[in-house]
Amino acid sequence: MKIDWKRKLSSRKFWAAVSGVVISVMVAFNADAGSQEKVAGVITATGTLAIYMLAEGSTDKAALKNSDDKE
């Protein structure tokens, strides 16, 4: 079975799971709360950027297809 990475990377549940796992590992290794907050922020920002890029790519692809169909 092939993994649909585009769908996976645009999923808020996926990014919440990544954040949860990383923060849990940090807690297990006694990382301070400030570091945990910074890492959670970086993961959230990365997820937001990935979702934005995928959405813009889909929008651009649809616009290109519509312009090709009109010609």
PDB file of N, CA and C in Angstrom:
ATOM      1  N   MET A   1       0.835  -1.178   0.000  1.00  0.00           N
ATOM      2  CA  MET A   1       0.000   0.000   0.000  1.00  0.00           C
ATOM      3  C   MET A   1       0.885   1.248   0.000  1.00  0.00           C
ATOM      4  N   LYS A   2       0.613   2.158  -0.926  1.00  0.00           N
ATOM      5  CA  LYS A   2       1.399   3.375  -1.051  1.00  0.00           C
ATOM      6  C   LYS A   2       0.850   4.453  -0.114  1.00  0.00           C
ATOM      7  N   ILE A   3       1.750   5.159   0.568  1.00  0.00           N
ATOM      8  CA  ILE A   3       1.348   6.228   1.482  1.00  0.00           C
ATOM      9  C   ILE A   3       1.126   7.505   0.686  1.00  0.00           C
ATOM     10  N   ASP A   4      -0.021   8.142   0.907  1.00  0.00           N
ATOM     11  CA  ASP A   4      -0.345   9.414   0.262  1.00  0.00           C
ATOM     12  C   ASP A   4       0.236  10.545   1.112  1.00  0.00           C
ATOM     13  N   TRP A   5       1.500  10.902   0.840  1.00  0.00           N
ATOM     14  CA  TRP A   5       2.193  11.882   1.659  1.00  0.00           C
ATOM     15  C   TRP A   5       1.568  13.266   1.571  1.00  0.00           C
ATOM     16  N   LYS A   6       1.012  13.605   0.412  1.00  0.00           N
ATOM     17  CA  LYS A   6       0.373  14.912   0.273  1.00  0.00           C
ATOM     18  C   LYS A   6      -0.783  15.040   1.262  1.00  0.00           C
ATOM     19  N   ARG A   7      -1.600  14.023   1.328  1.00  0.00           N
ATOM     20  CA  ARG A   7      -2.730  14.036   2.266  1.00  0.00           C
ATOM     21  C   ARG A   7      -2.237  13.979   3.707  1.00  0.00           C
ATOM     22  N   LYS A   8      -1.240  13.154   3.949  1.00  0.00           N
ATOM     23  CA  LYS A   8      -0.702  12.981   5.298  1.00  0.00           C
ATOM     24  C   LYS A   8      -0.109  14.291   5.822  1.00  0.00           C
ATOM     25  N   LEU A   9       0.695  14.970   5.002  1.00  0.00           N
ATOM     26  CA  LEU A   9       1.348  16.197   5.432  1.00  0.00           C
ATOM     27  C   LEU A   9       0.388  17.363   5.599  1.00  0.00           C
ATOM     28  N   SER A  10      -0.776  17.269   4.991  1.00  0.00           N
ATOM     29  CA  SER A  10      -1.754  18.348   5.140  1.00  0.00           C
ATOM     30  C   SER A  10      -2.763  18.064   6.255  1.00  0.00           C
ATOM     31  N   SER A  11      -2.527  17.013   7.007  1.00  0.00           N
ATOM     32  CA  SER A  11      -3.436  16.623   8.078  1.00  0.00           C
ATOM     33  C   SER A  11      -3.025  17.246   9.413  1.00  0.00           C
ATOM     34  N   ARG A  12      -3.960  17.932  10.059  1.00  0.00           N
ATOM     35  CA  ARG A  12      -3.683  18.490  11.385  1.00  0.00           C
ATOM     36  C   ARG A  12      -3.468  17.371  12.402  1.00  0.00           C
ATOM     37  N   LYS A  13      -4.160  16.266  12.221  1.00  0.00           N
ATOM     38  CA  LYS A  13      -3.990  15.128  13.139  1.00  0.00           C
ATOM     39  C   LYS A  13      -2.562  14.589  13.067  1.00  0.00           C
ATOM     40  N   PHE A  14      -2.000  14.540  11.853  1.00  0.00           N
ATOM     41  CA  PHE A  14      -0.628  14.074  11.674  1.00  0.00           C
ATOM     42  C   PHE A  14       0.338  14.963  12.450  1.00  0.00           C
ATOM     43  N   TRP A  15       0.203  16.285  12.298  1.00  0.00           N
ATOM     44  CA  TRP A  15       1.108  17.210  12.968  1.00  0.00           C
ATOM     45  C   TRP A  15       0.919  17.176  14.481  1.00  0.00           C
ATOM     46  N   ALA A  16      -0.304  16.988  14.937  1.00  0.00           N
ATOM     47  CA  ALA A  16      -0.550  16.850  16.380  1.00  0.00           C
ATOM     48  C   ALA A  16       0.126  15.587  16.905  1.00  0.00           C
ATOM     49  N   ALA A  17       0.068  14.514  16.133  1.00  0.00           N
ATOM     50  CA  ALA A  17       0.715  13.260  16.538  1.00  0.00           C
ATOM     51  C   ALA A  17       2.232  13.420  16.575  1.00  0.00           C
ATOM     52  N   VAL A  18       2.803  14.072  15.560  1.00  0.00           N
ATOM     53  CA  VAL A  18       4.255  14.307  15.540  1.00  0.00           C
ATOM     54  C   VAL A  18       4.664  15.114  16.767  1.00  0.00           C
ATOM     55  N   SER A  19       3.925  16.173  17.025  1.00  0.00           N
ATOM     56  CA  SER A  19       4.221  17.020  18.178  1.00  0.00           C
ATOM     57  C   SER A  19       4.125  16.228  19.481  1.00  0.00           C
ATOM     58  N   GLY A  20       3.089  15.426  19.607  1.00  0.00           N
ATOM     59  CA  GLY A  20       2.901  14.624  20.812  1.00  0.00           C
ATOM     60  C   GLY A  20       4.033  13.653  21.055  1.00  0.00           C
ATOM     61  N   VAL A  21       4.474  12.996  19.998  1.00  0.00           N
ATOM     62  CA  VAL A  21       5.573  12.030  20.133  1.00  0.00           C
ATOM     63  C   VAL A  21       6.868  12.739  20.511  1.00  0.00           C
ATOM     64  N   VAL A  22       7.174  13.824  19.819  1.00  0.00           N
ATOM     65  CA  VAL A  22       8.429  14.532  20.092  1.00  0.00           C
ATOM     66  C   VAL A  22       8.440  15.093  21.513  1.00  0.00           C
ATOM     67  N   ILE A  23       7.349  15.715  21.934  1.00  0.00           N
ATOM     68  CA  ILE A  23       7.291  16.275  23.289  1.00  0.00           C
ATOM     69  C   ILE A  23       7.369  15.166  24.334  1.00  0.00           C
ATOM     70  N   SER A  24       6.734  14.025  24.066  1.00  0.00           N
ATOM     71  CA  SER A  24       6.811  12.896  25.002  1.00  0.00           C
ATOM     72  C   SER A  24       8.243  12.400  25.157  1.00  0.00           C
ATOM     73  N   VAL A  25       8.967  12.332  24.070  1.00  0.00           N
ATOM     74  CA  VAL A  25      10.372  11.907  24.133  1.00  0.00           C
ATOM     75  C   VAL A  25      11.188  12.930  24.928  1.00  0.00           C
ATOM     76  N   MET A  26      10.894  14.218  24.687  1.00  0.00           N
ATOM     77  CA  MET A  26      11.612  15.257  25.435  1.00  0.00           C
ATOM     78  C   MET A  26      11.332  15.161  26.933  1.00  0.00           C
ATOM     79  N   VAL A  27      10.100  14.872  27.305  1.00  0.00           N
ATOM     80  CA  VAL A  27       9.750  14.706  28.719  1.00  0.00           C
ATOM     81  C   VAL A  27      10.504  13.516  29.300  1.00  0.00           C
ATOM     82  N   ALA A  28      10.582  12.422  28.527  1.00  0.00           N
ATOM     83  CA  ALA A  28      11.287  11.231  28.995  1.00  0.00           C
ATOM     84  C   ALA A  28      12.766  11.517  29.264  1.00  0.00           C
ATOM     85  N   PHE A  29      13.332  12.468  28.509  1.00  0.00           N
ATOM     86  CA  PHE A  29      14.744  12.817  28.691  1.00  0.00           C
ATOM     87  C   PHE A  29      14.925  14.084  29.536  1.00  0.00           C
ATOM     88  N   ASN A  30      13.877  14.441  30.286  1.00  0.00           N
ATOM     89  CA  ASN A  30      13.918  15.562  31.230  1.00  0.00           C
ATOM     90  C   ASN A  30      14.267  16.917  30.597  1.00  0.00           C
ATOM     91  N   ALA A  31      13.769  17.166  29.397  1.00  0.00           N
ATOM     92  CA  ALA A  31      13.972  18.482  28.780  1.00  0.00           C
ATOM     93  C   ALA A  31      13.125  19.506  29.529  1.00  0.00           C
ATOM     94  N   ASP A  32      13.640  20.721  29.639  1.00  0.00           N
ATOM     95  CA  ASP A  32      12.900  21.748  30.381  1.00  0.00           C
ATOM     96  C   ASP A  32      11.686  22.217  29.568  1.00  0.00           C
ATOM     97  N   ALA A  33      10.742  22.826  30.259  1.00  0.00           N
ATOM     98  CA  ALA A  33       9.480  23.248  29.648  1.00  0.00           C
ATOM     99  C   ALA A  33       9.700  24.273  28.538  1.00  0.00           C
ATOM    100  N   GLY A  34      10.677  25.150  28.703  1.00  0.00           N
ATOM    101  CA  GLY A  34      10.969  26.149  27.668  1.00  0.00           C
ATOM    102  C   GLY A  34      11.382  25.508  26.358  1.00  0.00           C
ATOM    103  N   SER A  35      12.219  24.482  26.447  1.00  0.00           N
ATOM    104  CA  SER A  35      12.654  23.767  25.244  1.00  0.00           C
ATOM    105  C   SER A  35      11.480  23.043  24.594  1.00  0.00           C
ATOM    106  N   GLN A  36      10.626  22.461  25.418  1.00  0.00           N
ATOM    107  CA  GLN A  36       9.457  21.768  24.887  1.00  0.00           C
ATOM    108  C   GLN A  36       8.551  22.731  24.135  1.00  0.00           C
ATOM    109  N   GLU A  37       8.349  23.921  24.696  1.00  0.00           N
ATOM    110  CA  GLU A  37       7.514  24.928  24.043  1.00  0.00           C
ATOM    111  C   GLU A  37       8.112  25.361  22.716  1.00  0.00           C
ATOM    112  N   LYS A  38       9.419  25.552  22.676  1.00  0.00           N
ATOM    113  CA  LYS A  38      10.090  25.958  21.435  1.00  0.00           C
ATOM    114  C   LYS A  38       9.959  24.882  20.367  1.00  0.00           C
ATOM    115  N   VAL A  39      10.159  23.637  20.741  1.00  0.00           N
ATOM    116  CA  VAL A  39      10.048  22.538  19.782  1.00  0.00           C
ATOM    117  C   VAL A  39       8.611  22.412  19.274  1.00  0.00           C
ATOM    118  N   ALA A  40       7.646  22.529  20.170  1.00  0.00           N
ATOM    119  CA  ALA A  40       6.240  22.472  19.752  1.00  0.00           C
ATOM    120  C   ALA A  40       5.935  23.605  18.779  1.00  0.00           C
ATOM    121  N   GLY A  41       6.497  24.777  19.025  1.00  0.00           N
ATOM    122  CA  GLY A  41       6.311  25.908  18.123  1.00  0.00           C
ATOM    123  C   GLY A  41       6.905  25.657  16.751  1.00  0.00           C
ATOM    124  N   VAL A  42       8.090  25.070  16.714  1.00  0.00           N
ATOM    125  CA  VAL A  42       8.735  24.767  15.438  1.00  0.00           C
ATOM    126  C   VAL A  42       7.929  23.722  14.663  1.00  0.00           C
ATOM    127  N   ILE A  43       7.444  22.699  15.343  1.00  0.00           N
ATOM    128  CA  ILE A  43       6.635  21.668  14.682  1.00  0.00           C
ATOM    129  C   ILE A  43       5.346  22.271  14.149  1.00  0.00           C
ATOM    130  N   THR A  44       4.709  23.133  14.923  1.00  0.00           N
ATOM    131  CA  THR A  44       3.474  23.780  14.483  1.00  0.00           C
ATOM    132  C   THR A  44       3.736  24.653  13.261  1.00  0.00           C
ATOM    133  N   ALA A  45       4.826  25.416  13.293  1.00  0.00           N
ATOM    134  CA  ALA A  45       5.168  26.273  12.157  1.00  0.00           C
ATOM    135  C   ALA A  45       5.459  25.446  10.910  1.00  0.00           C
ATOM    136  N   THR A  46       6.157  24.331  11.077  1.00  0.00           N
ATOM    137  CA  THR A  46       6.464  23.461   9.947  1.00  0.00           C
ATOM    138  C   THR A  46       5.186  22.877   9.350  1.00  0.00           C
ATOM    139  N   GLY A  47       4.285  22.447  10.207  1.00  0.00           N
ATOM    140  CA  GLY A  47       3.005  21.915   9.731  1.00  0.00           C
ATOM    141  C   GLY A  47       2.198  22.963   8.991  1.00  0.00           C
ATOM    142  N   THR A  48       2.171  24.174   9.523  1.00  0.00           N
ATOM    143  CA  THR A  48       1.447  25.262   8.876  1.00  0.00           C
ATOM    144  C   THR A  48       2.034  25.557   7.503  1.00  0.00           C
ATOM    145  N   LEU A  49       3.347  25.589   7.410  1.00  0.00           N
ATOM    146  CA  LEU A  49       4.008  25.840   6.135  1.00  0.00           C
ATOM    147  C   LEU A  49       3.714  24.729   5.130  1.00  0.00           C
ATOM    148  N   ALA A  50       3.763  23.483   5.572  1.00  0.00           N
ATOM    149  CA  ALA A  50       3.484  22.358   4.675  1.00  0.00           C
ATOM    150  C   ALA A  50       2.053  22.420   4.152  1.00  0.00           C
ATOM    151  N   ILE A  51       1.111  22.707   5.022  1.00  0.00           N
ATOM    152  CA  ILE A  51      -0.290  22.806   4.608  1.00  0.00           C
ATOM    153  C   ILE A  51      -0.468  23.951   3.620  1.00  0.00           C
ATOM    154  N   TYR A  52       0.147  25.090   3.890  1.00  0.00           N
ATOM    155  CA  TYR A  52       0.052  26.252   3.002  1.00  0.00           C
ATOM    156  C   TYR A  52       0.610  25.910   1.612  1.00  0.00           C
ATOM    157  N   MET A  53       1.797  25.296   1.581  1.00  0.00           N
ATOM    158  CA  MET A  53       2.418  24.967   0.294  1.00  0.00           C
ATOM    159  C   MET A  53       1.570  23.983  -0.501  1.00  0.00           C
ATOM    160  N   LEU A  54       1.020  22.987   0.158  1.00  0.00           N
ATOM    161  CA  LEU A  54       0.173  22.021  -0.541  1.00  0.00           C
ATOM    162  C   LEU A  54      -1.112  22.667  -1.044  1.00  0.00           C
ATOM    163  N   ALA A  55      -1.694  23.544  -0.247  1.00  0.00           N
ATOM    164  CA  ALA A  55      -2.921  24.234  -0.668  1.00  0.00           C
ATOM    165  C   ALA A  55      -2.653  25.153  -1.849  1.00  0.00           C
ATOM    166  N   GLU A  56      -1.570  25.903  -1.800  1.00  0.00           N
ATOM    167  CA  GLU A  56      -1.227  26.793  -2.912  1.00  0.00           C
ATOM    168  C   GLU A  56      -0.907  26.000  -4.178  1.00  0.00           C
ATOM    169  N   GLY A  57      -0.231  24.882  -4.020  1.00  0.00           N
ATOM    170  CA  GLY A  57       0.067  24.029  -5.173  1.00  0.00           C
ATOM    171  C   GLY A  57      -1.201  23.504  -5.824  1.00  0.00           C
ATOM    172  N   SER A  58      -2.154  23.099  -5.001  1.00  0.00           N
ATOM    173  CA  SER A  58      -3.434  22.609  -5.530  1.00  0.00           C
ATOM    174  C   SER A  58      -4.203  23.724  -6.227  1.00  0.00           C
ATOM    175  N   THR A  59      -4.172  24.925  -5.646  1.00  0.00           N
ATOM    176  CA  THR A  59      -4.850  26.070  -6.238  1.00  0.00           C
ATOM    177  C   THR A  59      -4.217  26.428  -7.584  1.00  0.00           C
ATOM    178  N   ASP A  60      -2.897  26.466  -7.624  1.00  0.00           N
ATOM    179  CA  ASP A  60      -2.194  26.777  -8.870  1.00  0.00           C
ATOM    180  C   ASP A  60      -2.466  25.729  -9.941  1.00  0.00           C
ATOM    181  N   LYS A  61      -2.486  24.472  -9.532  1.00  0.00           N
ATOM    182  CA  LYS A  61      -2.746  23.378 -10.476  1.00  0.00           C
ATOM    183  C   LYS A  61      -4.156  23.503 -11.050  1.00  0.00           C
ATOM    184  N   ALA A  62      -5.135  23.810 -10.208  1.00  0.00           N
ATOM    185  CA  ALA A  62      -6.517  23.961 -10.668  1.00  0.00           C
ATOM    186  C   ALA A  62      -6.644  25.164 -11.604  1.00  0.00           C
ATOM    187  N   ALA A  63      -5.977  26.261 -11.276  1.00  0.00           N
ATOM    188  CA  ALA A  63      -6.029  27.454 -12.125  1.00  0.00           C
ATOM    189  C   ALA A  63      -5.397  27.178 -13.481  1.00  0.00           C
ATOM    190  N   LEU A  64      -4.300  26.457 -13.494  1.00  0.00           N
ATOM    191  CA  LEU A  64      -3.633  26.108 -14.750  1.00  0.00           C
ATOM    192  C   LEU A  64      -4.518  25.204 -15.596  1.00  0.00           C
ATOM    193  N   LYS A  65      -5.158  24.240 -14.954  1.00  0.00           N
ATOM    194  CA  LYS A  65      -6.050  23.335 -15.672  1.00  0.00           C
ATOM    195  C   LYS A  65      -7.227  24.109 -16.263  1.00  0.00           C
ATOM    196  N   ASN A  66      -7.802  25.033 -15.487  1.00  0.00           N
ATOM    197  CA  ASN A  66      -8.918  25.833 -15.979  1.00  0.00           C
ATOM    198  C   ASN A  66      -8.515  26.710 -17.146  1.00  0.00           C
ATOM    199  N   SER A  67      -7.315  27.275 -17.120  1.00  0.00           N
ATOM    200  CA  SER A  67      -6.862  28.121 -18.231  1.00  0.00           C
ATOM    201  C   SER A  67      -6.586  27.276 -19.464  1.00  0.00           C
ATOM    202  N   ASP A  68      -6.099  26.045 -19.298  1.00  0.00           N
ATOM    203  CA  ASP A  68      -5.883  25.149 -20.428  1.00  0.00           C
ATOM    204  C   ASP A  68      -7.189  24.699 -21.045  1.00  0.00           C
ATOM    205  N   ASP A  69      -8.211  24.486 -20.217  1.00  0.00           N
ATOM    206  CA  ASP A  69      -9.515  24.044 -20.707  1.00  0.00           C
ATOM    207  C   ASP A  69     -10.211  25.129 -21.529  1.00  0.00           C
ATOM    208  N   LYS A  70      -9.945  26.395 -21.231  1.00  0.00           N
ATOM    209  CA  LYS A  70     -10.600  27.504 -21.927  1.00  0.00           C
ATOM    210  C   LYS A  70      -9.995  27.769 -23.287  1.00  0.00           C
ATOM    211  N   GLU A  71      -8.779  27.300 -23.512  1.00  0.00           N
ATOM    212  CA  GLU A  71      -8.100  27.557 -24.791  1.00  0.00           C
ATOM    213  C   GLU A  71      -8.564  26.636 -25.866  1.00  0.00           C
TER     214      GLU A  71
END
